[in-house]
C-alpha atoms as a PDB file:
ATOM      1  CA  MET A   1      34.300  -8.297 -61.507  1.00  0.00           C
ATOM      2  CA  SER A   2      33.345  -4.796 -61.062  1.00  0.00           C
ATOM      3  CA  PRO A   3      30.106  -3.781 -59.556  1.00  0.00           C
ATOM      4  CA  PRO A   4      27.180  -2.326 -62.210  1.00  0.00           C
ATOM      5  CA  PRO A   5      27.266   1.661 -62.812  1.00  0.00           C
ATOM      6  CA  PRO A   6      24.692   3.285 -60.467  1.00  0.00           C
ATOM      7  CA  PRO A   7      22.052   3.387 -60.154  1.00  0.00           C
ATOM      8  CA  TYR A   8      22.193  -0.655 -59.521  1.00  0.00           C
ATOM      9  CA  GLY A   9      25.650  -0.622 -57.892  1.00  0.00           C
ATOM     10  CA  ARG A  10      26.713  -0.412 -54.445  1.00  0.00           C
ATOM     11  CA  LEU A  11      30.077  -0.923 -52.382  1.00  0.00           C
ATOM     12  CA  ARG A  12      30.621  -4.615 -51.890  1.00  0.00           C
ATOM     13  CA  ALA A  13      32.333  -5.916 -48.378  1.00  0.00           C
ATOM     14  CA  LEU A  14      35.436  -7.519 -48.772  1.00  0.00           C
ATOM     15  CA  GLY A  15      34.262 -11.156 -48.185  1.00  0.00           C
ATOM     16  CA  HIS A  16      32.118 -10.911 -51.374  1.00  0.00           C
ATOM     17  CA  HIS A  17      35.281  -9.824 -53.271  1.00  0.00           C
ATOM     18  CA  LEU A  18      37.033 -12.620 -52.135  1.00  0.00           C
ATOM     19  CA  VAL A  19      34.100 -14.889 -53.391  1.00  0.00           C
ATOM     20  CA  GLU A  20      34.041 -13.096 -56.830  1.00  0.00           C
ATOM     21  CA  ILE A  21      37.754 -13.615 -57.311  1.00  0.00           C
ATOM     22  CA  HIS A  22      37.601 -17.234 -56.201  1.00  0.00           C
ATOM     23  CA  LEU A  23      34.682 -17.711 -58.832  1.00  0.00           C
ATOM     24  CA  TRP A  24      37.093 -16.064 -61.500  1.00  0.00           C
ATOM     25  CA  LEU A  25      40.081 -18.079 -60.633  1.00  0.00           C
ATOM     26  CA  ARG A  26      37.902 -21.201 -60.896  1.00  0.00           C
ATOM     27  CA  GLU A  27      36.208 -20.189 -64.568  1.00  0.00           C
ATOM     28  CA  GLU A  28      40.018 -19.315 -65.545  1.00  0.00           C
ATOM     29  CA  LEU A  29      41.421 -22.801 -64.591  1.00  0.00           C
ATOM     30  CA  ASP A  30      38.360 -24.216 -66.184  1.00  0.00           C
ATOM     31  CA  ARG A  31      39.282 -22.610 -69.283  1.00  0.00           C
ATOM     32  CA  ILE A  32      42.767 -23.848 -69.476  1.00  0.00           C
ATOM     33  CA  ARG A  33      41.498 -27.632 -68.601  1.00  0.00           C
ATOM     34  CA  ASP A  34      39.150 -27.051 -71.705  1.00  0.00           C
ATOM     35  CA  SER A  35      41.770 -25.813 -74.095  1.00  0.00           C
ATOM     36  CA  LEU A  36      43.717 -29.289 -73.243  1.00  0.00           C
ATOM     37  CA  ASP A  37      41.335 -30.623 -76.237  1.00  0.00           C
ATOM     38  CA  ALA A  38      40.621 -27.361 -78.462  1.00  0.00           C
ATOM     39  CA  ASP A  39      42.602 -28.562 -81.469  1.00  0.00           C
ATOM     40  CA  GLY A  40      41.682 -32.293 -80.963  1.00  0.00           C
ATOM     41  CA  PRO A  41      42.591 -34.917 -78.422  1.00  0.00           C
ATOM     42  CA  GLY A  42      46.534 -35.125 -77.547  1.00  0.00           C
ATOM     43  CA  VAL A  43      46.957 -31.930 -79.205  1.00  0.00           C
ATOM     44  CA  ARG A  44      48.421 -29.228 -77.020  1.00  0.00           C
ATOM     45  CA  PRO A  45      47.038 -25.787 -78.003  1.00  0.00           C
ATOM     46  CA  ARG A  46      49.987 -23.188 -78.923  1.00  0.00           C
ATOM     47  CA  ASP A  47      49.145 -20.620 -76.164  1.00  0.00           C
ATOM     48  CA  LEU A  48      48.289 -23.153 -73.232  1.00  0.00           C
ATOM     49  CA  ARG A  49      51.591 -22.625 -71.792  1.00  0.00           C
ATOM     50  CA  ALA A  50      51.136 -18.831 -71.702  1.00  0.00           C
ATOM     51  CA  HIS A  51      47.591 -19.158 -70.479  1.00  0.00           C
ATOM     52  CA  CYS A  52      48.877 -21.477 -67.459  1.00  0.00           C
ATOM     53  CA  LEU A  53      51.986 -19.226 -66.642  1.00  0.00           C
ATOM     54  CA  ALA A  54      49.483 -16.134 -66.935  1.00  0.00           C
ATOM     55  CA  PHE A  55      47.178 -17.914 -64.503  1.00  0.00           C
ATOM     56  CA  CYS A  56      50.070 -19.345 -62.373  1.00  0.00           C
ATOM     57  CA  ALA A  57      50.812 -15.688 -61.827  1.00  0.00           C
ATOM     58  CA  THR A  58      47.712 -14.329 -60.900  1.00  0.00           C
ATOM     59  CA  LEU A  59      46.793 -17.284 -58.272  1.00  0.00           C
ATOM     60  CA  THR A  60      50.390 -16.648 -56.721  1.00  0.00           C
ATOM     61  CA  ARG A  61      49.711 -12.913 -56.616  1.00  0.00           C
ATOM     62  CA  HIS A  62      46.216 -13.413 -55.089  1.00  0.00           C
ATOM     63  CA  HIS A  63      47.858 -16.235 -52.438  1.00  0.00           C
ATOM     64  CA  THR A  64      50.748 -13.534 -51.500  1.00  0.00           C
ATOM     65  CA  GLY A  65      48.136 -10.642 -51.408  1.00  0.00           C
ATOM     66  CA  GLU A  66      46.253 -12.800 -49.037  1.00  0.00           C
ATOM     67  CA  ASP A  67      49.115 -13.701 -46.760  1.00  0.00           C
ATOM     68  CA  ARG A  68      50.750 -10.169 -46.638  1.00  0.00           C
ATOM     69  CA  GLY A  69      47.852  -8.186 -46.448  1.00  0.00           C
ATOM     70  CA  ALA A  70      44.186  -9.605 -45.446  1.00  0.00           C
ATOM     71  CA  PHE A  71      45.674 -12.232 -43.332  1.00  0.00           C
ATOM     72  CA  ARG A  72      47.753  -9.994 -41.383  1.00  0.00           C
ATOM     73  CA  MET A  73      44.889  -7.603 -40.799  1.00  0.00           C
ATOM     74  CA  LEU A  74      42.495 -10.113 -39.590  1.00  0.00           C
ATOM     75  CA  ALA A  75      45.316 -12.027 -37.255  1.00  0.00           C
ATOM     76  CA  GLU A  76      45.275  -8.888 -35.536  1.00  0.00           C
ATOM     77  CA  ARG A  77      41.649  -7.829 -35.480  1.00  0.00           C
ATOM     78  CA  VAL A  78      40.466 -11.360 -34.848  1.00  0.00           C
ATOM     79  CA  PRO A  79      42.949 -13.102 -33.393  1.00  0.00           C
ATOM     80  CA  GLU A  80      40.834 -16.206 -32.616  1.00  0.00           C
ATOM     81  CA  LEU A  81      41.036 -16.998 -36.789  1.00  0.00           C
ATOM     82  CA  ARG A  82      44.864 -17.553 -36.454  1.00  0.00           C
ATOM     83  CA  PRO A  83      44.641 -21.031 -36.745  1.00  0.00           C
ATOM     84  CA  VAL A  84      42.589 -20.876 -39.650  1.00  0.00           C
ATOM     85  CA  LEU A  85      44.766 -18.200 -41.269  1.00  0.00           C
ATOM     86  CA  ARG A  86      47.909 -20.454 -40.598  1.00  0.00           C
ATOM     87  CA  GLU A  87      46.114 -23.441 -42.141  1.00  0.00           C
ATOM     88  CA  LEU A  88      45.355 -21.676 -45.411  1.00  0.00           C
ATOM     89  CA  GLU A  89      48.697 -20.191 -45.380  1.00  0.00           C
ATOM     90  CA  ALA A  90      49.691 -23.774 -45.497  1.00  0.00           C
ATOM     91  CA  ASP A  91      47.402 -24.579 -48.406  1.00  0.00           C
ATOM     92  CA  HIS A  92      49.178 -21.765 -50.270  1.00  0.00           C
ATOM     93  CA  ARG A  93      52.527 -23.532 -50.056  1.00  0.00           C
ATOM     94  CA  LEU A  94      50.912 -27.028 -51.160  1.00  0.00           C
ATOM     95  CA  VAL A  95      49.228 -24.600 -54.059  1.00  0.00           C
ATOM     96  CA  GLU A  96      52.506 -23.264 -54.820  1.00  0.00           C
ATOM     97  CA  ALA A  97      53.931 -26.451 -55.104  1.00  0.00           C
ATOM     98  CA  ALA A  98      51.041 -28.009 -57.324  1.00  0.00           C
ATOM     99  CA  LEU A  99      51.920 -24.824 -59.578  1.00  0.00           C
ATOM    100  CA  ARG A 100      55.591 -25.661 -60.047  1.00  0.00           C
ATOM    101  CA  ARG A 101      54.529 -29.095 -61.133  1.00  0.00           C
ATOM    102  CA  VAL A 102      52.097 -27.829 -63.455  1.00  0.00           C
ATOM    103  CA  GLU A 103      54.561 -24.999 -64.697  1.00  0.00           C
ATOM    104  CA  ASP A 104      57.616 -27.925 -65.157  1.00  0.00           C
ATOM    105  CA  LEU A 105      55.110 -30.205 -67.223  1.00  0.00           C
ATOM    106  CA  LEU A 106      54.516 -27.350 -69.933  1.00  0.00           C
ATOM    107  CA  ASP A 107      57.776 -27.638 -71.539  1.00  0.00           C
ATOM    108  CA  GLY A 108      56.176 -29.621 -74.860  1.00  0.00           C
ATOM    109  CA  THR A 109      57.875 -32.963 -73.798  1.00  0.00           C
ATOM    110  CA  HIS A 110      55.196 -34.296 -71.356  1.00  0.00           C
ATOM    111  CA  PRO A 111      51.949 -36.181 -72.363  1.00  0.00           C
ATOM    112  CA  ILE A 112      48.887 -34.163 -72.359  1.00  0.00           C
ATOM    113  CA  GLU A 113      47.502 -36.517 -70.027  1.00  0.00           C
ATOM    114  CA  LYS A 114      50.187 -35.799 -67.491  1.00  0.00           C
ATOM    115  CA  VAL A 115      49.160 -32.327 -67.987  1.00  0.00           C
ATOM    116  CA  ARG A 116      45.572 -32.684 -67.770  1.00  0.00           C
ATOM    117  CA  ASN A 117      45.956 -35.013 -64.518  1.00  0.00           C
ATOM    118  CA  GLU A 118      48.022 -32.399 -62.712  1.00  0.00           C
ATOM    119  CA  LEU A 119      45.574 -29.425 -63.680  1.00  0.00           C
ATOM    120  CA  ASP A 120      42.748 -31.865 -62.442  1.00  0.00           C
ATOM    121  CA  THR A 121      44.665 -32.341 -59.158  1.00  0.00           C
ATOM    122  CA  LEU A 122      45.366 -28.431 -58.918  1.00  0.00           C
ATOM    123  CA  ALA A 123      41.739 -27.766 -59.092  1.00  0.00           C
ATOM    124  CA  ALA A 124      40.639 -30.089 -56.481  1.00  0.00           C
ATOM    125  CA  LEU A 125      42.999 -28.587 -54.332  1.00  0.00           C
ATOM    126  CA  LEU A 126      41.996 -24.907 -55.248  1.00  0.00           C
ATOM    127  CA  GLU A 127      38.126 -26.177 -54.926  1.00  0.00           C
ATOM    128  CA  THR A 128      38.558 -27.318 -51.451  1.00  0.00           C
ATOM    129  CA  HIS A 129      40.732 -24.474 -50.166  1.00  0.00           C
ATOM    130  CA  PHE A 130      38.096 -21.605 -51.598  1.00  0.00           C
ATOM    131  CA  LEU A 131      35.434 -23.271 -50.005  1.00  0.00           C
ATOM    132  CA  TYR A 132      37.064 -23.628 -46.623  1.00  0.00           C
ATOM    133  CA  GLU A 133      38.458 -20.049 -47.109  1.00  0.00           C
ATOM    134  CA  GLU A 134      35.212 -18.413 -48.037  1.00  0.00           C
ATOM    135  CA  LYS A 135      33.340 -20.295 -45.209  1.00  0.00           C
ATOM    136  CA  LYS A 136      36.070 -19.432 -42.390  1.00  0.00           C
ATOM    137  CA  LEU A 137      36.497 -15.826 -43.591  1.00  0.00           C
ATOM    138  CA  THR A 138      33.940 -14.301 -45.575  1.00  0.00           C
ATOM    139  CA  ALA A 139      32.204 -12.706 -42.572  1.00  0.00           C
ATOM    140  CA  ALA A 140      35.194 -11.191 -41.047  1.00  0.00           C
ATOM    141  CA  LEU A 141      36.501  -9.545 -44.138  1.00  0.00           C
ATOM    142  CA  ASP A 142      33.186  -8.383 -44.694  1.00  0.00           C
ATOM    143  CA  ALA A 143      33.529  -6.266 -41.430  1.00  0.00           C
ATOM    144  CA  LEU A 144      36.593  -4.967 -42.457  1.00  0.00           C
ATOM    145  CA  GLU A 145      36.254  -0.999 -43.387  1.00  0.00           C
ATOM    146  CA  ASP A 146      39.627  -0.236 -44.711  1.00  0.00           C
ATOM    147  CA  GLY A 147      41.988  -1.646 -47.103  1.00  0.00           C
ATOM    148  CA  ARG A 148      41.647  -1.860 -51.140  1.00  0.00           C
ATOM    149  CA  THR A 149      40.785  -5.217 -52.640  1.00  0.00           C
ATOM    150  CA  GLU A 150      43.925  -5.617 -54.399  1.00  0.00           C
ATOM    151  CA  ASP A 151      46.208  -4.679 -51.275  1.00  0.00           C
ATOM    152  CA  LEU A 152      44.305  -6.939 -49.247  1.00  0.00           C
ATOM    153  CA  LEU A 153      43.719  -9.941 -51.425  1.00  0.00           C
ATOM    154  CA  GLY A 154      46.555  -9.654 -53.928  1.00  0.00           C
ATOM    155  CA  VAL A 155      44.586  -8.872 -56.864  1.00  0.00           C
ATOM    156  CA  PRO A 156      42.033  -6.277 -58.257  1.00  0.00           C
ATOM    157  CA  LEU A 157      38.311  -7.652 -58.849  1.00  0.00           C
ATOM    158  CA  PRO A 158      38.356  -9.411 -62.584  1.00  0.00           C
ATOM    159  CA  PRO A 159      36.049  -7.408 -65.289  1.00  0.00           C
ATOM    160  CA  GLN A 160      33.001  -8.429 -65.926  1.00  0.00           C
ATOM    161  CA  ASP A 161      30.770  -7.946 -68.465  1.00  0.00           C
ATOM    162  CA  TRP A 162      27.340  -6.339 -67.338  1.00  0.00           C
END
Protein backbone atom coordinates (compact mmCIF):
# COMPACT_ATOMS: atom_id res chain seq x y z
CA MET A 1 0.00 0.00 0.00
CA SER A 2 1.71 3.11 -1.12
CA PRO A 3 1.40 6.34 0.83
CA PRO A 4 -0.90 9.05 -0.40
CA PRO A 5 0.68 11.66 -2.62
CA PRO A 6 2.04 14.89 -1.10
CA PRO A 7 1.11 17.02 0.75
CA TYR A 8 -0.62 14.30 2.83
CA GLY A 9 1.97 11.59 2.47
CA ARG A 10 5.10 11.02 4.50
CA LEU A 11 7.55 8.22 4.85
CA ARG A 12 6.31 5.47 7.12
CA ALA A 13 8.47 3.37 9.39
CA LEU A 14 9.20 -0.23 8.50
CA GLY A 15 7.05 -1.56 11.35
CA HIS A 16 4.07 0.24 9.84
CA HIS A 17 4.90 -1.33 6.48
CA LEU A 18 4.87 -4.77 8.11
CA VAL A 19 1.37 -4.16 9.47
CA GLU A 20 0.19 -2.95 6.04
CA ILE A 21 1.59 -6.04 4.34
CA HIS A 22 -0.09 -8.28 6.92
CA LEU A 23 -3.42 -6.48 6.42
CA TRP A 24 -3.15 -6.98 2.68
CA LEU A 25 -2.28 -10.68 3.07
CA ARG A 26 -5.27 -11.15 5.40
CA GLU A 27 -7.55 -9.49 2.83
CA GLU A 28 -6.19 -11.66 0.02
CA LEU A 29 -6.74 -14.84 2.02
CA ASP A 30 -10.27 -13.68 2.88
CA ARG A 31 -10.94 -13.16 -0.84
CA ILE A 32 -9.76 -16.68 -1.60
CA ARG A 33 -11.91 -18.14 1.17
CA ASP A 34 -14.92 -16.11 -0.01
CA SER A 35 -14.39 -17.31 -3.59
CA LEU A 36 -15.07 -20.90 -2.56
CA ASP A 37 -18.78 -20.14 -2.80
CA ALA A 38 -18.60 -17.61 -5.64
CA ASP A 39 -20.15 -20.02 -8.15
CA GLY A 40 -22.54 -21.64 -5.70
CA PRO A 41 -22.09 -24.11 -2.86
CA GLY A 42 -19.60 -26.84 -3.56
CA VAL A 43 -18.48 -25.47 -6.92
CA ARG A 44 -14.83 -24.51 -7.12
CA PRO A 45 -14.25 -21.35 -9.19
CA ARG A 46 -11.97 -22.00 -12.14
CA ASP A 47 -9.40 -19.46 -11.00
CA LEU A 48 -9.26 -20.62 -7.36
CA ARG A 49 -6.06 -22.57 -7.99
CA ALA A 50 -4.36 -19.60 -9.65
CA HIS A 51 -5.35 -17.23 -6.84
CA CYS A 52 -4.23 -19.67 -4.15
CA LEU A 53 -0.91 -20.34 -5.81
CA ALA A 54 -0.26 -16.61 -6.26
CA PHE A 55 -1.12 -16.01 -2.60
CA CYS A 56 1.09 -18.90 -1.47
CA ALA A 57 4.00 -17.58 -3.52
CA THR A 58 3.60 -14.05 -2.13
CA LEU A 59 3.36 -15.26 1.46
CA THR A 60 6.41 -17.49 1.00
CA ARG A 61 8.35 -14.58 -0.51
CA HIS A 62 7.33 -12.38 2.45
CA HIS A 63 8.46 -14.92 5.05
CA THR A 64 11.69 -15.69 3.19
CA GLY A 65 12.40 -11.95 2.99
CA GLU A 66 11.83 -11.57 6.71
CA ASP A 67 14.08 -14.53 7.53
CA ARG A 68 16.90 -13.31 5.27
CA GLY A 69 16.41 -9.57 5.69
CA ALA A 70 14.64 -7.98 8.64
CA PHE A 71 15.20 -10.82 11.09
CA ARG A 72 18.94 -10.95 10.46
CA MET A 73 19.23 -7.20 10.81
CA LEU A 74 17.18 -7.21 14.01
CA ALA A 75 19.20 -10.11 15.45
CA GLU A 76 22.37 -8.05 14.97
CA ARG A 77 21.01 -4.75 16.25
CA VAL A 78 18.57 -5.95 18.93
CA PRO A 79 20.05 -9.20 20.30
CA GLU A 80 17.36 -9.52 22.98
CA LEU A 81 14.89 -10.24 20.15
CA ARG A 82 16.74 -13.38 19.04
CA PRO A 83 14.44 -15.81 20.92
CA VAL A 84 11.38 -14.12 19.39
CA LEU A 85 12.95 -14.23 15.94
CA ARG A 86 13.63 -17.97 16.33
CA GLU A 87 9.97 -18.50 17.28
CA LEU A 88 8.82 -16.51 14.27
CA GLU A 89 11.09 -18.49 11.95
CA ALA A 90 9.63 -21.71 13.39
CA ASP A 91 6.16 -20.28 12.67
CA HIS A 92 7.25 -19.67 9.09
CA ARG A 93 8.00 -23.39 8.74
CA LEU A 94 4.53 -24.24 10.11
CA VAL A 95 2.95 -21.82 7.64
CA GLU A 96 5.02 -23.33 4.83
CA ALA A 97 3.68 -26.79 5.69
CA ALA A 98 0.11 -25.45 5.75
CA LEU A 99 0.64 -23.80 2.35
CA ARG A 100 1.85 -27.13 0.92
CA ARG A 101 -1.30 -28.84 2.24
CA VAL A 102 -3.46 -26.18 0.58
CA GLU A 103 -1.58 -26.54 -2.70
CA ASP A 104 -1.98 -30.33 -2.59
CA LEU A 105 -5.75 -29.93 -2.22
CA LEU A 106 -6.05 -27.74 -5.32
CA ASP A 107 -5.75 -30.54 -7.85
CA GLY A 108 -9.54 -30.68 -8.25
CA THR A 109 -10.02 -34.13 -6.71
CA HIS A 110 -10.79 -33.05 -3.13
CA PRO A 111 -14.14 -31.94 -1.72
CA ILE A 112 -14.52 -28.20 -1.37
CA GLU A 113 -15.06 -28.60 2.39
CA LYS A 114 -11.59 -30.09 2.75
CA VAL A 115 -10.12 -27.09 0.91
CA ARG A 116 -12.17 -24.71 3.08
CA ASN A 117 -11.02 -26.43 6.29
CA GLU A 118 -7.37 -26.17 5.30
CA LEU A 119 -7.77 -22.50 4.34
CA ASP A 120 -9.48 -21.86 7.68
CA THR A 121 -6.59 -23.55 9.47
CA LEU A 122 -4.10 -21.45 7.50
CA ALA A 123 -6.05 -18.27 8.32
CA ALA A 124 -6.05 -19.05 12.05
CA LEU A 125 -2.33 -19.85 12.01
CA LEU A 126 -1.52 -16.66 10.13
CA GLU A 127 -3.67 -14.51 12.39
CA THR A 128 -1.84 -15.61 15.54
CA HIS A 129 1.52 -15.37 13.77
CA PHE A 130 0.87 -11.88 12.39
CA LEU A 131 -0.41 -10.53 15.71
CA TYR A 132 2.56 -11.92 17.64
CA GLU A 133 5.05 -10.64 15.07
CA GLU A 134 3.49 -7.18 15.02
CA LYS A 135 3.39 -6.98 18.82
CA LYS A 136 7.01 -8.06 19.22
CA LEU A 137 8.70 -6.40 16.23
CA THR A 138 6.90 -3.23 15.15
CA ALA A 139 8.78 -0.85 17.44
CA ALA A 140 12.15 -2.44 16.65
CA LEU A 141 11.44 -2.30 12.91
CA ASP A 142 10.37 1.33 13.21
CA ALA A 143 13.77 2.13 14.70
CA LEU A 144 15.61 0.78 11.64
CA GLU A 145 16.70 3.58 9.36
CA ASP A 146 18.13 1.65 6.44
CA GLY A 147 16.83 -0.93 4.02
CA ARG A 148 13.95 -1.09 1.59
CA THR A 149 10.63 -2.71 2.44
CA GLU A 150 11.05 -5.29 -0.32
CA ASP A 151 14.56 -6.23 0.80
CA LEU A 152 13.69 -6.52 4.49
CA LEU A 153 10.10 -7.82 4.35
CA GLY A 154 10.19 -9.79 1.11
CA VAL A 155 7.53 -7.89 -0.78
CA PRO A 156 6.88 -4.26 -1.68
CA LEU A 157 3.95 -2.50 -0.09
CA PRO A 158 0.75 -3.64 -1.79
CA PRO A 159 -0.99 -1.07 -3.98
CA GLN A 160 -3.80 0.88 -2.41
CA ASP A 161 -6.42 3.07 -4.00
CA TRP A 162 -6.46 6.51 -2.40
